[in-house]
Amino acid sequence: MEHSFQIFHEFVWGFWPGVLVVFGLGFFVGYLASFLGLGGGFIYTPFFHSFFHLTAVQAVAVSLAQMPVSALSGLYVYFKNDKIRWRQGFLLLITSIPSAQYTAFAFGRFEDTPLGKQLYYGIPLSEFVYLIVFTVFLGILAIYNLIAALKKRKRYYEALSLVRSEPNVKSLDLDNQTNPKGLESNEKNSKITNNETQFQFTKKSIFIVLLVGIFFGMFSSLFGIGGGFLAVPLFVYYFRMSPVEAVATSFLGIFLTSFGTTIQFLLLGKLHWELALIGSFGGIFGARIGSLKAVNAKPYTILLVTSFFQFLVVTWYLVAKLPKF
């Protein structure tokens, strides 16, 4: 095994600790990815870039390669709970798949060009650009998700207080999410709410989903982060899905987009399949537990947890990587 999995010798603590850490990280990433709908690359990519000394393209390739398996595990739970909105998901894929394929090809080739290999602050230009763009972009998303989560949390508890103060109110739809614990559900109101939130194929809505699909695929291949950071807010705020429905639908896009992009990186010779394989084994179990947790999560929890881990990754890059320049 050690001969076939030489890359694990690059880990600072040795071969077998490297295998265990990658497996454990795969479990953790699978849990978070299925809970947040973000693919998990915002943790995977910096980890392999920092601790296994992979190039930016190689780190992204490994991050994407573990997504299809863990995503399939999570999708099974979402499918059983009827949380996937198929029409929005497949419409997103019309532009996200070709966008991801083209970006993966261009990104993978750029690393091998003379310009991409040119040293800048002691590292190749392709690495330097990736670090700066990744850190700035993820920081902006972290701030956005934090603000959105706090607003949603405030509305949730305001609505909960209203229900408790009004004995005649038997049910209340909080951001299209499961009613708080202890509140009675009203089947008739639930059906009305579900009908109101059904996707309408207007010209505007189709254009927006197709446009987001382009960026979904592009950022998925560029950063290895799944693209859910764009799709989840779109589905929540524009199409009025509950957060868990948005995550489930985003996960459908992540599964199919990452599968095709992984093949692209493999053909380009950028994929360390050993790392992806071990991480995927852990991700299977983590994704199953994370999706079960997400089904019963409060409306604001998913966005709040997303923001926390995005801030954590940005802080890691700022403290451990960028000062070296």
C-alpha atoms as a PDB file:
ATOM      1  CA  MET A   1       0.000   0.000   0.000  1.00  0.00           C
ATOM      2  CA  GLU A   2       2.794   2.424   0.871  1.00  0.00           C
ATOM      3  CA  HIS A   3       4.295   1.965  -2.566  1.00  0.00           C
ATOM      4  CA  SER A   4       1.011   2.803  -4.302  1.00  0.00           C
ATOM      5  CA  PHE A   5       0.142   5.709  -1.978  1.00  0.00           C
ATOM      6  CA  GLN A   6       3.464   7.537  -1.960  1.00  0.00           C
ATOM      7  CA  ILE A   7       1.792  10.933  -1.618  1.00  0.00           C
ATOM      8  CA  PHE A   8       0.957  10.181   2.031  1.00  0.00           C
ATOM      9  CA  HIS A   9       4.671  10.267   2.865  1.00  0.00           C
ATOM     10  CA  GLU A  10       4.471  14.010   2.228  1.00  0.00           C
ATOM     11  CA  PHE A  11       2.388  14.442   5.369  1.00  0.00           C
ATOM     12  CA  VAL A  12       4.343  16.023   8.221  1.00  0.00           C
ATOM     13  CA  TRP A  13       3.692  13.139  10.675  1.00  0.00           C
ATOM     14  CA  GLY A  14       4.320  10.278   8.275  1.00  0.00           C
ATOM     15  CA  PHE A  15       2.442   7.787   6.127  1.00  0.00           C
ATOM     16  CA  TRP A  16      -0.161   6.152   8.384  1.00  0.00           C
ATOM     17  CA  PRO A  17      -0.988   9.315  10.360  1.00  0.00           C
ATOM     18  CA  GLY A  18      -1.518  10.941   6.971  1.00  0.00           C
ATOM     19  CA  VAL A  19      -3.970   8.228   5.945  1.00  0.00           C
ATOM     20  CA  LEU A  20      -5.911   8.564   9.211  1.00  0.00           C
ATOM     21  CA  VAL A  21      -5.975  12.360   9.078  1.00  0.00           C
ATOM     22  CA  VAL A  22      -7.243  12.401   5.476  1.00  0.00           C
ATOM     23  CA  PHE A  23      -9.910   9.825   6.348  1.00  0.00           C
ATOM     24  CA  GLY A  24     -10.970  11.858   9.388  1.00  0.00           C
ATOM     25  CA  LEU A  25     -10.955  15.056   7.382  1.00  0.00           C
ATOM     26  CA  GLY A  26     -13.062  13.336   4.730  1.00  0.00           C
ATOM     27  CA  PHE A  27     -15.630  12.450   7.388  1.00  0.00           C
ATOM     28  CA  PHE A  28     -15.646  16.022   8.700  1.00  0.00           C
ATOM     29  CA  VAL A  29     -15.835  17.557   5.226  1.00  0.00           C
ATOM     30  CA  GLY A  30     -18.589  15.144   4.175  1.00  0.00           C
ATOM     31  CA  TYR A  31     -20.580  16.124   7.245  1.00  0.00           C
ATOM     32  CA  LEU A  32     -20.159  19.845   6.635  1.00  0.00           C
ATOM     33  CA  ALA A  33     -20.680  19.586   2.872  1.00  0.00           C
ATOM     34  CA  SER A  34     -24.005  17.785   3.155  1.00  0.00           C
ATOM     35  CA  PHE A  35     -25.080  20.093   5.981  1.00  0.00           C
ATOM     36  CA  LEU A  36     -24.106  23.315   4.176  1.00  0.00           C
ATOM     37  CA  GLY A  37     -24.410  22.343   0.508  1.00  0.00           C
ATOM     38  CA  LEU A  38     -21.002  23.844  -0.318  1.00  0.00           C
ATOM     39  CA  GLY A  39     -18.998  20.843  -1.454  1.00  0.00           C
ATOM     40  CA  GLY A  40     -16.462  21.100   1.360  1.00  0.00           C
ATOM     41  CA  GLY A  41     -13.667  22.400  -0.824  1.00  0.00           C
ATOM     42  CA  PHE A  42     -13.242  25.531   1.262  1.00  0.00           C
ATOM     43  CA  ILE A  43     -11.604  23.227   3.822  1.00  0.00           C
ATOM     44  CA  TYR A  44     -10.196  20.488   1.584  1.00  0.00           C
ATOM     45  CA  THR A  45      -8.396  22.779  -0.866  1.00  0.00           C
ATOM     46  CA  PRO A  46      -6.424  24.786   1.734  1.00  0.00           C
ATOM     47  CA  PHE A  47      -5.620  21.587   3.654  1.00  0.00           C
ATOM     48  CA  PHE A  48      -4.012  19.746   0.744  1.00  0.00           C
ATOM     49  CA  HIS A  49      -2.376  22.927  -0.474  1.00  0.00           C
ATOM     50  CA  SER A  50      -0.786  23.522   2.942  1.00  0.00           C
ATOM     51  CA  PHE A  51      -0.084  20.074   4.426  1.00  0.00           C
ATOM     52  CA  PHE A  52       0.643  17.961   1.344  1.00  0.00           C
ATOM     53  CA  HIS A  53       2.324  20.748  -0.628  1.00  0.00           C
ATOM     54  CA  LEU A  54       0.105  20.241  -3.658  1.00  0.00           C
ATOM     55  CA  THR A  55      -0.150  22.976  -6.240  1.00  0.00           C
ATOM     56  CA  ALA A  56      -3.355  24.992  -6.354  1.00  0.00           C
ATOM     57  CA  VAL A  57      -4.664  22.998  -9.312  1.00  0.00           C
ATOM     58  CA  GLN A  58      -3.823  19.649  -7.700  1.00  0.00           C
ATOM     59  CA  ALA A  59      -5.487  20.671  -4.415  1.00  0.00           C
ATOM     60  CA  VAL A  60      -8.628  21.726  -6.262  1.00  0.00           C
ATOM     61  CA  ALA A  61      -8.617  18.459  -8.241  1.00  0.00           C
ATOM     62  CA  VAL A  62      -8.454  16.328  -5.077  1.00  0.00           C
ATOM     63  CA  SER A  63     -11.148  18.454  -3.436  1.00  0.00           C
ATOM     64  CA  LEU A  64     -13.502  17.975  -6.373  1.00  0.00           C
ATOM     65  CA  ALA A  65     -12.740  14.267  -6.732  1.00  0.00           C
ATOM     66  CA  GLN A  66     -14.067  13.389  -3.286  1.00  0.00           C
ATOM     67  CA  MET A  67     -17.334  15.262  -3.826  1.00  0.00           C
ATOM     68  CA  PRO A  68     -19.265  12.822  -6.059  1.00  0.00           C
ATOM     69  CA  VAL A  69     -19.132   9.935  -3.567  1.00  0.00           C
ATOM     70  CA  SER A  70     -19.980  11.963  -0.459  1.00  0.00           C
ATOM     71  CA  ALA A  71     -22.584  13.956  -2.393  1.00  0.00           C
ATOM     72  CA  LEU A  72     -24.326  10.766  -3.501  1.00  0.00           C
ATOM     73  CA  SER A  73     -24.487   9.598   0.102  1.00  0.00           C
ATOM     74  CA  GLY A  74     -26.098  12.860   1.198  1.00  0.00           C
ATOM     75  CA  LEU A  75     -28.437  13.006  -1.788  1.00  0.00           C
ATOM     76  CA  TYR A  76     -29.934   9.668  -0.806  1.00  0.00           C
ATOM     77  CA  VAL A  77     -31.100  11.128   2.498  1.00  0.00           C
ATOM     78  CA  TYR A  78     -32.442  14.288   0.863  1.00  0.00           C
ATOM     79  CA  PHE A  79     -34.243  12.218  -1.752  1.00  0.00           C
ATOM     80  CA  LYS A  80     -35.941  10.068   0.877  1.00  0.00           C
ATOM     81  CA  ASN A  81     -37.106  13.224   2.680  1.00  0.00           C
ATOM     82  CA  ASP A  82     -38.321  14.839  -0.569  1.00  0.00           C
ATOM     83  CA  LYS A  83     -36.060  17.876  -0.196  1.00  0.00           C
ATOM     84  CA  ILE A  84     -34.634  18.051  -3.741  1.00  0.00           C
ATOM     85  CA  ARG A  85     -36.242  20.521  -6.159  1.00  0.00           C
ATOM     86  CA  TRP A  86     -35.409  18.757  -9.407  1.00  0.00           C
ATOM     87  CA  ARG A  87     -36.435  21.378 -11.950  1.00  0.00           C
ATOM     88  CA  GLN A  88     -34.280  24.129 -10.451  1.00  0.00           C
ATOM     89  CA  GLY A  89     -31.377  21.704 -10.017  1.00  0.00           C
ATOM     90  CA  PHE A  90     -31.333  20.423 -13.582  1.00  0.00           C
ATOM     91  CA  LEU A  91     -31.829  23.919 -14.997  1.00  0.00           C
ATOM     92  CA  LEU A  92     -28.733  25.002 -13.077  1.00  0.00           C
ATOM     93  CA  LEU A  93     -26.762  22.133 -14.613  1.00  0.00           C
ATOM     94  CA  ILE A  94     -27.397  23.284 -18.194  1.00  0.00           C
ATOM     95  CA  THR A  95     -24.740  25.983 -17.819  1.00  0.00           C
ATOM     96  CA  SER A  96     -22.782  24.799 -14.773  1.00  0.00           C
ATOM     97  CA  ILE A  97     -21.435  21.586 -16.354  1.00  0.00           C
ATOM     98  CA  PRO A  98     -19.914  23.159 -19.511  1.00  0.00           C
ATOM     99  CA  SER A  99     -18.667  26.117 -17.462  1.00  0.00           C
ATOM    100  CA  ALA A 100     -16.935  23.784 -14.999  1.00  0.00           C
ATOM    101  CA  GLN A 101     -15.375  21.747 -17.798  1.00  0.00           C
ATOM    102  CA  TYR A 102     -13.938  24.767 -19.576  1.00  0.00           C
ATOM    103  CA  THR A 103     -12.614  26.341 -16.362  1.00  0.00           C
ATOM    104  CA  ALA A 104     -10.958  23.099 -15.270  1.00  0.00           C
ATOM    105  CA  PHE A 105      -9.234  22.798 -18.627  1.00  0.00           C
ATOM    106  CA  ALA A 106      -8.044  26.430 -18.674  1.00  0.00           C
ATOM    107  CA  PHE A 107      -7.007  26.442 -14.995  1.00  0.00           C
ATOM    108  CA  GLY A 108      -5.113  23.169 -15.352  1.00  0.00           C
ATOM    109  CA  ARG A 109      -3.261  24.346 -18.436  1.00  0.00           C
ATOM    110  CA  PHE A 110      -2.366  27.778 -17.007  1.00  0.00           C
ATOM    111  CA  GLU A 111      -0.280  26.202 -14.239  1.00  0.00           C
ATOM    112  CA  ASP A 112       2.007  24.631 -16.849  1.00  0.00           C
ATOM    113  CA  THR A 113       2.493  27.755 -18.968  1.00  0.00           C
ATOM    114  CA  PRO A 114       5.643  29.938 -18.707  1.00  0.00           C
ATOM    115  CA  LEU A 115       3.526  32.740 -17.233  1.00  0.00           C
ATOM    116  CA  GLY A 116       1.977  30.454 -14.640  1.00  0.00           C
ATOM    117  CA  LYS A 117       5.411  29.130 -13.608  1.00  0.00           C
ATOM    118  CA  GLN A 118       6.959  32.603 -13.297  1.00  0.00           C
ATOM    119  CA  LEU A 119       8.011  33.220  -9.705  1.00  0.00           C
ATOM    120  CA  TYR A 120       6.284  36.011  -7.829  1.00  0.00           C
ATOM    121  CA  TYR A 121       7.175  36.582  -4.168  1.00  0.00           C
ATOM    122  CA  GLY A 122       8.987  33.252  -4.248  1.00  0.00           C
ATOM    123  CA  ILE A 123       6.110  31.142  -5.585  1.00  0.00           C
ATOM    124  CA  PRO A 124       4.659  30.543  -9.068  1.00  0.00           C
ATOM    125  CA  LEU A 125       2.305  33.227 -10.296  1.00  0.00           C
ATOM    126  CA  SER A 126      -0.538  30.705 -10.576  1.00  0.00           C
ATOM    127  CA  GLU A 127      -0.186  29.936  -6.853  1.00  0.00           C
ATOM    128  CA  PHE A 128       0.024  33.576  -5.852  1.00  0.00           C
ATOM    129  CA  VAL A 129      -3.082  34.580  -7.811  1.00  0.00           C
ATOM    130  CA  TYR A 130      -4.997  31.631  -6.414  1.00  0.00           C
ATOM    131  CA  LEU A 131      -4.154  32.476  -2.787  1.00  0.00           C
ATOM    132  CA  ILE A 132      -5.143  36.118  -3.112  1.00  0.00           C
ATOM    133  CA  VAL A 133      -8.376  35.531  -5.022  1.00  0.00           C
ATOM    134  CA  PHE A 134      -9.428  32.587  -2.834  1.00  0.00           C
ATOM    135  CA  THR A 135      -8.851  34.507   0.414  1.00  0.00           C
ATOM    136  CA  VAL A 136     -10.599  37.700  -0.691  1.00  0.00           C
ATOM    137  CA  PHE A 137     -13.530  35.907  -2.280  1.00  0.00           C
ATOM    138  CA  LEU A 138     -14.120  33.559   0.627  1.00  0.00           C
ATOM    139  CA  GLY A 139     -13.869  36.460   3.079  1.00  0.00           C
ATOM    140  CA  ILE A 140     -16.611  38.350   1.245  1.00  0.00           C
ATOM    141  CA  LEU A 141     -18.837  35.285   1.265  1.00  0.00           C
ATOM    142  CA  ALA A 142     -18.222  34.757   4.991  1.00  0.00           C
ATOM    143  CA  ILE A 143     -19.362  38.305   5.783  1.00  0.00           C
ATOM    144  CA  TYR A 144     -22.418  37.968   3.563  1.00  0.00           C
ATOM    145  CA  ASN A 145     -23.488  34.645   5.086  1.00  0.00           C
ATOM    146  CA  LEU A 146     -22.952  35.954   8.637  1.00  0.00           C
ATOM    147  CA  ILE A 147     -25.190  38.977   8.040  1.00  0.00           C
ATOM    148  CA  ALA A 148     -27.824  36.815   6.343  1.00  0.00           C
ATOM    149  CA  ALA A 149     -27.757  34.270   9.189  1.00  0.00           C
ATOM    150  CA  LEU A 150     -28.148  36.926  11.891  1.00  0.00           C
ATOM    151  CA  LYS A 151     -31.105  38.488  10.058  1.00  0.00           C
ATOM    152  CA  LYS A 152     -32.746  35.102   9.610  1.00  0.00           C
ATOM    153  CA  ARG A 153     -32.129  34.240  13.265  1.00  0.00           C
ATOM    154  CA  LYS A 154     -33.762  37.483  14.371  1.00  0.00           C
ATOM    155  CA  ARG A 155     -36.849  36.846  12.227  1.00  0.00           C
ATOM    156  CA  TYR A 156     -37.049  33.267  13.490  1.00  0.00           C
ATOM    157  CA  TYR A 157     -37.193  34.221  17.165  1.00  0.00           C
ATOM    158  CA  GLU A 158     -39.520  37.168  16.514  1.00  0.00           C
ATOM    159  CA  ALA A 159     -41.930  34.787  14.802  1.00  0.00           C
ATOM    160  CA  LEU A 160     -41.508  32.228  17.588  1.00  0.00           C
ATOM    161  CA  SER A 161     -42.364  34.859  20.201  1.00  0.00           C
ATOM    162  CA  LEU A 162     -45.454  35.830  18.231  1.00  0.00           C
ATOM    163  CA  VAL A 163     -46.683  32.251  18.136  1.00  0.00           C
ATOM    164  CA  ARG A 164     -46.157  31.821  21.885  1.00  0.00           C
ATOM    165  CA  SER A 165     -48.000  35.058  22.640  1.00  0.00           C
ATOM    166  CA  GLU A 166     -50.982  34.137  20.443  1.00  0.00           C
ATOM    167  CA  PRO A 167     -52.727  30.999  21.728  1.00  0.00           C
ATOM    168  CA  ASN A 168     -54.956  30.833  18.651  1.00  0.00           C
ATOM    169  CA  VAL A 169     -52.023  30.589  16.274  1.00  0.00           C
ATOM    170  CA  LYS A 170     -51.441  26.889  15.757  1.00  0.00           C
ATOM    171  CA  SER A 171     -48.820  26.976  13.041  1.00  0.00           C
ATOM    172  CA  LEU A 172     -46.394  29.338  11.434  1.00  0.00           C
ATOM    173  CA  ASP A 173     -44.120  28.930   8.447  1.00  0.00           C
ATOM    174  CA  LEU A 174     -40.738  30.375   9.432  1.00  0.00           C
ATOM    175  CA  ASP A 175     -38.803  31.122   6.247  1.00  0.00           C
ATOM    176  CA  ASN A 176     -40.399  28.043   4.651  1.00  0.00           C
ATOM    177  CA  GLN A 177     -38.699  25.887   7.269  1.00  0.00           C
ATOM    178  CA  THR A 178     -39.923  23.223   9.677  1.00  0.00           C
ATOM    179  CA  ASN A 179     -41.971  24.728  12.505  1.00  0.00           C
ATOM    180  CA  PRO A 180     -40.176  25.174  15.858  1.00  0.00           C
ATOM    181  CA  LYS A 181     -40.280  22.319  18.310  1.00  0.00           C
ATOM    182  CA  GLY A 182     -43.497  22.249  20.296  1.00  0.00           C
ATOM    183  CA  LEU A 183     -45.618  24.006  17.629  1.00  0.00           C
ATOM    184  CA  GLU A 184     -48.461  22.140  15.931  1.00  0.00           C
ATOM    185  CA  SER A 185     -48.343  21.774  12.170  1.00  0.00           C
ATOM    186  CA  ASN A 186     -51.245  22.689   9.937  1.00  0.00           C
ATOM    187  CA  GLU A 187     -51.465  20.430   6.902  1.00  0.00           C
ATOM    188  CA  LYS A 188     -53.633  22.792   4.888  1.00  0.00           C
ATOM    189  CA  ASN A 189     -51.325  25.793   5.377  1.00  0.00           C
ATOM    190  CA  SER A 190     -48.318  23.618   4.607  1.00  0.00           C
ATOM    191  CA  LYS A 191     -49.798  22.613   1.261  1.00  0.00           C
ATOM    192  CA  ILE A 192     -50.560  26.237   0.417  1.00  0.00           C
ATOM    193  CA  THR A 193     -47.005  27.249   1.310  1.00  0.00           C
ATOM    194  CA  ASN A 194     -45.533  24.484  -0.818  1.00  0.00           C
ATOM    195  CA  ASN A 195     -47.677  25.488  -3.786  1.00  0.00           C
ATOM    196  CA  GLU A 196     -46.639  29.111  -3.417  1.00  0.00           C
ATOM    197  CA  THR A 197     -42.978  28.227  -3.446  1.00  0.00           C
ATOM    198  CA  GLN A 198     -43.125  26.064  -6.567  1.00  0.00           C
ATOM    199  CA  PHE A 199     -40.662  27.126  -9.237  1.00  0.00           C
ATOM    200  CA  GLN A 200     -42.154  29.216 -12.036  1.00  0.00           C
ATOM    201  CA  PHE A 201     -40.517  29.020 -15.455  1.00  0.00           C
ATOM    202  CA  THR A 202     -40.585  32.721 -16.262  1.00  0.00           C
ATOM    203  CA  LYS A 203     -38.029  34.213 -18.636  1.00  0.00           C
ATOM    204  CA  LYS A 204     -36.432  36.144 -15.788  1.00  0.00           C
ATOM    205  CA  SER A 205     -36.126  33.177 -13.431  1.00  0.00           C
ATOM    206  CA  ILE A 206     -34.698  30.935 -16.147  1.00  0.00           C
ATOM    207  CA  PHE A 207     -32.136  33.558 -17.112  1.00  0.00           C
ATOM    208  CA  ILE A 208     -31.050  34.039 -13.482  1.00  0.00           C
ATOM    209  CA  VAL A 209     -30.623  30.315 -12.855  1.00  0.00           C
ATOM    210  CA  LEU A 210     -28.664  29.840 -16.094  1.00  0.00           C
ATOM    211  CA  LEU A 211     -26.441  32.814 -15.250  1.00  0.00           C
ATOM    212  CA  VAL A 212     -25.775  31.518 -11.735  1.00  0.00           C
ATOM    213  CA  GLY A 213     -25.041  28.111 -13.256  1.00  0.00           C
ATOM    214  CA  ILE A 214     -22.134  29.614 -15.214  1.00  0.00           C
ATOM    215  CA  PHE A 215     -20.537  30.982 -12.042  1.00  0.00           C
ATOM    216  CA  PHE A 216     -21.490  27.821 -10.117  1.00  0.00           C
ATOM    217  CA  GLY A 217     -19.427  25.713 -12.497  1.00  0.00           C
ATOM    218  CA  MET A 218     -16.619  28.241 -12.842  1.00  0.00           C
ATOM    219  CA  PHE A 219     -15.971  28.706  -9.132  1.00  0.00           C
ATOM    220  CA  SER A 220     -16.421  24.983  -8.502  1.00  0.00           C
ATOM    221  CA  SER A 221     -13.512  24.212 -10.836  1.00  0.00           C
ATOM    222  CA  LEU A 222     -11.453  27.235  -9.821  1.00  0.00           C
ATOM    223  CA  PHE A 223     -11.621  26.812  -6.035  1.00  0.00           C
ATOM    224  CA  GLY A 224     -12.952  23.288  -5.538  1.00  0.00           C
ATOM    225  CA  ILE A 225     -15.751  24.583  -3.318  1.00  0.00           C
ATOM    226  CA  GLY A 226     -18.763  23.104  -5.053  1.00  0.00           C
ATOM    227  CA  GLY A 227     -20.531  26.301  -6.073  1.00  0.00           C
ATOM    228  CA  GLY A 228     -23.213  25.952  -3.401  1.00  0.00           C
ATOM    229  CA  PHE A 229     -22.224  29.318  -1.947  1.00  0.00           C
ATOM    230  CA  LEU A 230     -23.974  30.856  -4.986  1.00  0.00           C
ATOM    231  CA  ALA A 231     -26.810  28.373  -5.467  1.00  0.00           C
ATOM    232  CA  VAL A 232     -27.939  28.152  -1.834  1.00  0.00           C
ATOM    233  CA  PRO A 233     -28.564  31.921  -1.384  1.00  0.00           C
ATOM    234  CA  LEU A 234     -30.255  32.034  -4.811  1.00  0.00           C
ATOM    235  CA  PHE A 235     -32.624  29.202  -3.956  1.00  0.00           C
ATOM    236  CA  VAL A 236     -33.349  30.581  -0.472  1.00  0.00           C
ATOM    237  CA  TYR A 237     -33.887  34.255  -1.239  1.00  0.00           C
ATOM    238  CA  TYR A 238     -35.114  34.233  -4.832  1.00  0.00           C
ATOM    239  CA  PHE A 239     -37.075  30.985  -5.088  1.00  0.00           C
ATOM    240  CA  ARG A 240     -38.167  30.964  -1.432  1.00  0.00           C
ATOM    241  CA  MET A 241     -36.921  27.467  -0.699  1.00  0.00           C
ATOM    242  CA  SER A 242     -36.195  26.444   2.849  1.00  0.00           C
ATOM    243  CA  PRO A 243     -32.454  26.325   3.597  1.00  0.00           C
ATOM    244  CA  VAL A 244     -32.454  22.523   3.656  1.00  0.00           C
ATOM    245  CA  GLU A 245     -34.226  22.362   0.269  1.00  0.00           C
ATOM    246  CA  ALA A 246     -31.687  24.816  -1.125  1.00  0.00           C
ATOM    247  CA  VAL A 247     -28.815  22.700   0.203  1.00  0.00           C
ATOM    248  CA  ALA A 248     -30.324  19.489  -1.197  1.00  0.00           C
ATOM    249  CA  THR A 249     -30.888  21.021  -4.644  1.00  0.00           C
ATOM    250  CA  SER A 250     -27.408  22.533  -4.630  1.00  0.00           C
ATOM    251  CA  PHE A 251     -26.000  19.116  -3.720  1.00  0.00           C
ATOM    252  CA  LEU A 252     -27.534  17.681  -6.877  1.00  0.00           C
ATOM    253  CA  GLY A 253     -25.562  20.212  -8.916  1.00  0.00           C
ATOM    254  CA  ILE A 254     -22.401  19.563  -6.930  1.00  0.00           C
ATOM    255  CA  PHE A 255     -22.623  15.822  -7.562  1.00  0.00           C
ATOM    256  CA  LEU A 256     -22.948  16.019 -11.344  1.00  0.00           C
ATOM    257  CA  THR A 257     -20.651  19.014 -11.874  1.00  0.00           C
ATOM    258  CA  SER A 258     -17.821  17.668  -9.719  1.00  0.00           C
ATOM    259  CA  PHE A 259     -18.037  14.242 -11.368  1.00  0.00           C
ATOM    260  CA  GLY A 260     -17.400  15.638 -14.844  1.00  0.00           C
ATOM    261  CA  THR A 261     -14.726  18.047 -13.654  1.00  0.00           C
ATOM    262  CA  THR A 262     -12.869  15.285 -11.824  1.00  0.00           C
ATOM    263  CA  ILE A 263     -12.540  13.380 -15.085  1.00  0.00           C
ATOM    264  CA  GLN A 264     -11.179  16.526 -16.726  1.00  0.00           C
ATOM    265  CA  PHE A 265      -8.483  16.985 -14.070  1.00  0.00           C
ATOM    266  CA  LEU A 266      -7.631  13.280 -14.253  1.00  0.00           C
ATOM    267  CA  LEU A 267      -7.046  13.551 -18.009  1.00  0.00           C
ATOM    268  CA  LEU A 268      -4.846  16.595 -17.397  1.00  0.00           C
ATOM    269  CA  GLY A 269      -2.719  14.567 -14.954  1.00  0.00           C
ATOM    270  CA  LYS A 270      -3.509  16.867 -12.012  1.00  0.00           C
ATOM    271  CA  LEU A 271      -5.380  14.444  -9.763  1.00  0.00           C
ATOM    272  CA  HIS A 272      -3.813  12.552  -6.840  1.00  0.00           C
ATOM    273  CA  TRP A 273      -6.500   9.873  -6.763  1.00  0.00           C
ATOM    274  CA  GLU A 274      -5.063   8.255  -3.604  1.00  0.00           C
ATOM    275  CA  LEU A 275      -5.936  11.295  -1.497  1.00  0.00           C
ATOM    276  CA  ALA A 276      -9.376  11.555  -3.064  1.00  0.00           C
ATOM    277  CA  LEU A 277     -10.061   7.846  -2.477  1.00  0.00           C
ATOM    278  CA  ILE A 278      -9.268   7.892   1.244  1.00  0.00           C
ATOM    279  CA  GLY A 279     -11.114  11.166   1.734  1.00  0.00           C
ATOM    280  CA  SER A 280     -14.147   9.807  -0.085  1.00  0.00           C
ATOM    281  CA  PHE A 281     -14.413   6.822   2.255  1.00  0.00           C
ATOM    282  CA  GLY A 282     -14.648   9.176   5.222  1.00  0.00           C
ATOM    283  CA  GLY A 283     -16.961  11.476   3.311  1.00  0.00           C
ATOM    284  CA  ILE A 284     -19.547   8.729   2.744  1.00  0.00           C
ATOM    285  CA  PHE A 285     -20.237   8.430   6.467  1.00  0.00           C
ATOM    286  CA  GLY A 286     -19.924  12.127   7.202  1.00  0.00           C
ATOM    287  CA  ALA A 287     -22.317  13.119   4.417  1.00  0.00           C
ATOM    288  CA  ARG A 288     -24.958  10.697   5.638  1.00  0.00           C
ATOM    289  CA  ILE A 289     -24.879  12.121   9.164  1.00  0.00           C
ATOM    290  CA  GLY A 290     -24.663  15.738   7.970  1.00  0.00           C
ATOM    291  CA  SER A 291     -27.674  15.437   5.684  1.00  0.00           C
ATOM    292  CA  LEU A 292     -29.740  13.875   8.470  1.00  0.00           C
ATOM    293  CA  LYS A 293     -28.748  16.793  10.696  1.00  0.00           C
ATOM    294  CA  ALA A 294     -29.595  19.382   8.027  1.00  0.00           C
ATOM    295  CA  VAL A 295     -33.110  18.012   7.537  1.00  0.00           C
ATOM    296  CA  ASN A 296     -33.991  19.040  11.102  1.00  0.00           C
ATOM    297  CA  ALA A 297     -31.855  22.182  11.378  1.00  0.00           C
ATOM    298  CA  LYS A 298     -33.244  25.607  12.278  1.00  0.00           C
ATOM    299  CA  PRO A 299     -33.580  28.045   9.341  1.00  0.00           C
ATOM    300  CA  TYR A 300     -30.550  30.175  10.225  1.00  0.00           C
ATOM    301  CA  THR A 301     -28.179  27.442  11.405  1.00  0.00           C
ATOM    302  CA  ILE A 302     -26.884  26.400   7.987  1.00  0.00           C
ATOM    303  CA  LEU A 303     -25.878  29.930   7.015  1.00  0.00           C
ATOM    304  CA  LEU A 304     -24.344  30.624  10.436  1.00  0.00           C
ATOM    305  CA  VAL A 305     -22.187  27.492  10.373  1.00  0.00           C
ATOM    306  CA  THR A 306     -21.175  28.250   6.790  1.00  0.00           C
ATOM    307  CA  SER A 307     -19.989  31.711   7.788  1.00  0.00           C
ATOM    308  CA  PHE A 308     -18.006  30.397  10.769  1.00  0.00           C
ATOM    309  CA  PHE A 309     -15.973  27.911   8.745  1.00  0.00           C
ATOM    310  CA  GLN A 310     -15.412  30.374   5.932  1.00  0.00           C
ATOM    311  CA  PHE A 311     -13.949  32.843   8.436  1.00  0.00           C
ATOM    312  CA  LEU A 312     -11.830  30.029   9.871  1.00  0.00           C
ATOM    313  CA  VAL A 313     -10.291  29.188   6.482  1.00  0.00           C
ATOM    314  CA  VAL A 314      -9.670  32.853   5.637  1.00  0.00           C
ATOM    315  CA  THR A 315      -7.930  33.337   8.992  1.00  0.00           C
ATOM    316  CA  TRP A 316      -5.754  30.272   8.327  1.00  0.00           C
ATOM    317  CA  TYR A 317      -4.564  31.617   5.000  1.00  0.00           C
ATOM    318  CA  LEU A 318      -3.946  35.091   6.401  1.00  0.00           C
ATOM    319  CA  VAL A 319      -1.935  33.781   9.352  1.00  0.00           C
ATOM    320  CA  ALA A 320      -0.155  30.752   7.889  1.00  0.00           C
ATOM    321  CA  LYS A 321       0.322  31.479   4.198  1.00  0.00           C
ATOM    322  CA  LEU A 322       0.189  35.094   3.099  1.00  0.00           C
ATOM    323  CA  PRO A 323       2.699  36.516   5.667  1.00  0.00           C
ATOM    324  CA  LYS A 324       5.417  34.387   4.041  1.00  0.00           C
ATOM    325  CA  PHE A 325       5.284  36.655   1.016  1.00  0.00           C
END
